[in-house]
Amino acid sequence: MEMLNQEQQDIGKQFLDGLSIFTVVGSLLEMLPAVSAILSIVWVSIRIWETKTVQNIFNRGKNAIDK
């Protein structure tokens, strides 16, 4: 069996480095939908909380002068 020369070893290392970077980017992109879904839920929750209807429901026991 013939040993690889230095140039072939460098090409192999570069290929594996590229494959590693591709794997990391792919993993991160798969996480982005979950992160954006969580942020969307938080945003919609804030928007619902700020509505007058919800504020009136939670201010029932208090003097809600400004409606």
N, C-alpha and C. Protein backbone atom coordinates (compact mmCIF):
# COMPACT_ATOMS: atom_id res chain seq x y z
N MET A 1 0.85 -1.18 0.00
CA MET A 1 0.00 0.00 0.00
C MET A 1 0.89 1.23 0.00
N GLU A 2 0.56 2.16 -0.85
CA GLU A 2 1.38 3.36 -1.03
C GLU A 2 0.90 4.46 -0.07
N MET A 3 1.82 5.16 0.56
CA MET A 3 1.52 6.26 1.47
C MET A 3 1.17 7.51 0.66
N LEU A 4 0.35 8.37 1.22
CA LEU A 4 -0.02 9.62 0.57
C LEU A 4 1.10 10.63 0.72
N ASN A 5 1.33 11.42 -0.33
CA ASN A 5 2.33 12.46 -0.20
C ASN A 5 1.71 13.68 0.50
N GLN A 6 2.51 14.67 0.78
CA GLN A 6 2.07 15.85 1.56
C GLN A 6 0.93 16.60 0.87
N GLU A 7 1.00 16.74 -0.43
CA GLU A 7 -0.05 17.45 -1.17
C GLU A 7 -1.39 16.73 -1.06
N GLN A 8 -1.39 15.41 -1.18
CA GLN A 8 -2.61 14.64 -1.07
C GLN A 8 -3.19 14.72 0.35
N GLN A 9 -2.30 14.72 1.35
CA GLN A 9 -2.76 14.85 2.72
C GLN A 9 -3.40 16.21 2.96
N ASP A 10 -2.80 17.28 2.40
CA ASP A 10 -3.36 18.62 2.55
C ASP A 10 -4.73 18.73 1.88
N ILE A 11 -4.87 18.14 0.71
CA ILE A 11 -6.16 18.14 0.01
C ILE A 11 -7.20 17.40 0.85
N GLY A 12 -6.84 16.29 1.42
CA GLY A 12 -7.75 15.53 2.27
C GLY A 12 -8.17 16.32 3.49
N LYS A 13 -7.21 17.03 4.12
CA LYS A 13 -7.53 17.85 5.29
C LYS A 13 -8.47 19.00 4.91
N GLN A 14 -8.21 19.64 3.78
CA GLN A 14 -9.07 20.74 3.34
C GLN A 14 -10.49 20.24 3.05
N PHE A 15 -10.58 19.08 2.44
CA PHE A 15 -11.90 18.50 2.16
C PHE A 15 -12.65 18.24 3.46
N LEU A 16 -11.99 17.67 4.44
CA LEU A 16 -12.64 17.38 5.72
C LEU A 16 -12.99 18.67 6.47
N ASP A 17 -12.14 19.70 6.36
CA ASP A 17 -12.46 20.99 6.98
C ASP A 17 -13.71 21.59 6.33
N GLY A 18 -13.80 21.53 5.02
CA GLY A 18 -14.97 22.03 4.32
C GLY A 18 -16.22 21.26 4.70
N LEU A 19 -16.10 19.96 4.81
CA LEU A 19 -17.23 19.12 5.21
C LEU A 19 -17.67 19.48 6.63
N SER A 20 -16.71 19.75 7.50
CA SER A 20 -17.02 20.13 8.88
C SER A 20 -17.77 21.46 8.92
N ILE A 21 -17.32 22.44 8.15
CA ILE A 21 -17.99 23.74 8.10
C ILE A 21 -19.40 23.58 7.55
N PHE A 22 -19.55 22.79 6.51
CA PHE A 22 -20.88 22.53 5.93
C PHE A 22 -21.81 21.92 6.97
N THR A 23 -21.30 21.01 7.78
CA THR A 23 -22.10 20.36 8.81
C THR A 23 -22.54 21.36 9.88
N VAL A 24 -21.61 22.24 10.28
CA VAL A 24 -21.94 23.25 11.30
C VAL A 24 -23.01 24.20 10.77
N VAL A 25 -22.85 24.69 9.56
CA VAL A 25 -23.82 25.61 8.97
C VAL A 25 -25.18 24.92 8.82
N GLY A 26 -25.17 23.69 8.39
CA GLY A 26 -26.43 22.96 8.26
C GLY A 26 -27.12 22.78 9.59
N SER A 27 -26.35 22.52 10.63
CA SER A 27 -26.95 22.38 11.97
C SER A 27 -27.55 23.69 12.43
N LEU A 28 -26.86 24.79 12.20
CA LEU A 28 -27.36 26.09 12.61
C LEU A 28 -28.63 26.46 11.84
N LEU A 29 -28.67 26.17 10.57
CA LEU A 29 -29.84 26.50 9.77
C LEU A 29 -31.05 25.68 10.19
N GLU A 30 -30.82 24.48 10.66
CA GLU A 30 -31.93 23.67 11.12
C GLU A 30 -32.48 24.22 12.43
N MET A 31 -31.66 24.90 13.20
CA MET A 31 -32.12 25.49 14.46
C MET A 31 -32.88 26.78 14.23
N LEU A 32 -32.63 27.47 13.16
CA LEU A 32 -33.26 28.76 12.94
C LEU A 32 -34.79 28.71 12.90
N PRO A 33 -35.40 27.72 12.28
CA PRO A 33 -36.87 27.70 12.33
C PRO A 33 -37.42 27.61 13.76
N ALA A 34 -36.77 26.85 14.62
CA ALA A 34 -37.24 26.74 16.01
C ALA A 34 -37.08 28.07 16.74
N VAL A 35 -35.96 28.74 16.53
CA VAL A 35 -35.72 30.03 17.17
C VAL A 35 -36.72 31.06 16.68
N SER A 36 -36.96 31.10 15.37
CA SER A 36 -37.92 32.08 14.84
C SER A 36 -39.34 31.78 15.30
N ALA A 37 -39.68 30.51 15.49
CA ALA A 37 -41.01 30.16 16.00
C ALA A 37 -41.18 30.66 17.43
N ILE A 38 -40.16 30.49 18.25
CA ILE A 38 -40.22 30.97 19.65
C ILE A 38 -40.36 32.48 19.68
N LEU A 39 -39.56 33.17 18.87
CA LEU A 39 -39.64 34.64 18.83
C LEU A 39 -41.01 35.10 18.33
N SER A 40 -41.58 34.38 17.37
CA SER A 40 -42.91 34.74 16.87
C SER A 40 -43.97 34.56 17.95
N ILE A 41 -43.88 33.48 18.71
CA ILE A 41 -44.83 33.26 19.80
C ILE A 41 -44.72 34.37 20.84
N VAL A 42 -43.50 34.75 21.18
CA VAL A 42 -43.31 35.84 22.15
C VAL A 42 -43.89 37.13 21.61
N TRP A 43 -43.63 37.45 20.34
CA TRP A 43 -44.13 38.68 19.73
C TRP A 43 -45.66 38.72 19.72
N VAL A 44 -46.29 37.63 19.32
CA VAL A 44 -47.76 37.59 19.27
C VAL A 44 -48.32 37.70 20.69
N SER A 45 -47.69 37.08 21.65
CA SER A 45 -48.14 37.17 23.04
C SER A 45 -48.08 38.60 23.55
N ILE A 46 -47.02 39.30 23.23
CA ILE A 46 -46.90 40.71 23.62
C ILE A 46 -48.00 41.53 22.95
N ARG A 47 -48.22 41.30 21.67
CA ARG A 47 -49.26 42.04 20.94
C ARG A 47 -50.64 41.78 21.54
N ILE A 48 -50.93 40.54 21.90
CA ILE A 48 -52.23 40.21 22.51
C ILE A 48 -52.34 40.87 23.87
N TRP A 49 -51.28 40.83 24.66
CA TRP A 49 -51.29 41.42 26.00
C TRP A 49 -51.57 42.93 25.93
N GLU A 50 -51.11 43.59 24.89
CA GLU A 50 -51.26 45.04 24.78
C GLU A 50 -52.65 45.46 24.28
N THR A 51 -53.48 44.53 23.86
CA THR A 51 -54.81 44.92 23.37
C THR A 51 -55.66 45.47 24.51
N LYS A 52 -56.60 46.34 24.17
CA LYS A 52 -57.47 46.95 25.18
C LYS A 52 -58.34 45.90 25.87
N THR A 53 -58.79 44.90 25.11
CA THR A 53 -59.64 43.86 25.68
C THR A 53 -58.93 43.12 26.80
N VAL A 54 -57.72 42.67 26.55
CA VAL A 54 -56.97 41.94 27.56
C VAL A 54 -56.62 42.85 28.73
N GLN A 55 -56.25 44.09 28.46
CA GLN A 55 -55.94 45.02 29.54
C GLN A 55 -57.16 45.28 30.41
N ASN A 56 -58.35 45.38 29.80
CA ASN A 56 -59.58 45.57 30.57
C ASN A 56 -59.90 44.34 31.42
N ILE A 57 -59.64 43.16 30.89
CA ILE A 57 -59.89 41.93 31.66
C ILE A 57 -59.01 41.90 32.91
N PHE A 58 -57.75 42.26 32.76
CA PHE A 58 -56.84 42.20 33.89
C PHE A 58 -56.94 43.41 34.81
N ASN A 59 -57.61 44.46 34.38
CA ASN A 59 -57.78 45.66 35.21
C ASN A 59 -59.17 45.71 35.84
N ARG A 60 -59.92 44.62 35.85
CA ARG A 60 -61.28 44.61 36.38
C ARG A 60 -61.34 45.07 37.83
N GLY A 61 -60.46 44.58 38.65
CA GLY A 61 -60.51 44.93 40.07
C GLY A 61 -59.92 46.29 40.37
N LYS A 62 -59.31 46.91 39.40
CA LYS A 62 -58.65 48.20 39.59
C LYS A 62 -59.50 49.30 38.96
N ASN A 63 -59.22 50.50 39.33
CA ASN A 63 -59.90 51.65 38.72
C ASN A 63 -59.25 51.93 37.37
N ALA A 64 -59.87 51.47 36.31
CA ALA A 64 -59.34 51.70 34.97
C ALA A 64 -59.99 52.95 34.40
N ILE A 65 -59.40 54.10 34.64
CA ILE A 65 -59.95 55.37 34.19
C ILE A 65 -59.77 55.53 32.68
N ASP A 66 -58.56 55.26 32.18
CA ASP A 66 -58.32 55.45 30.76
C ASP A 66 -58.59 54.15 30.01
N LYS A 67 -59.51 54.21 29.08
CA LYS A 67 -59.86 53.04 28.29
C LYS A 67 -59.49 53.24 26.86
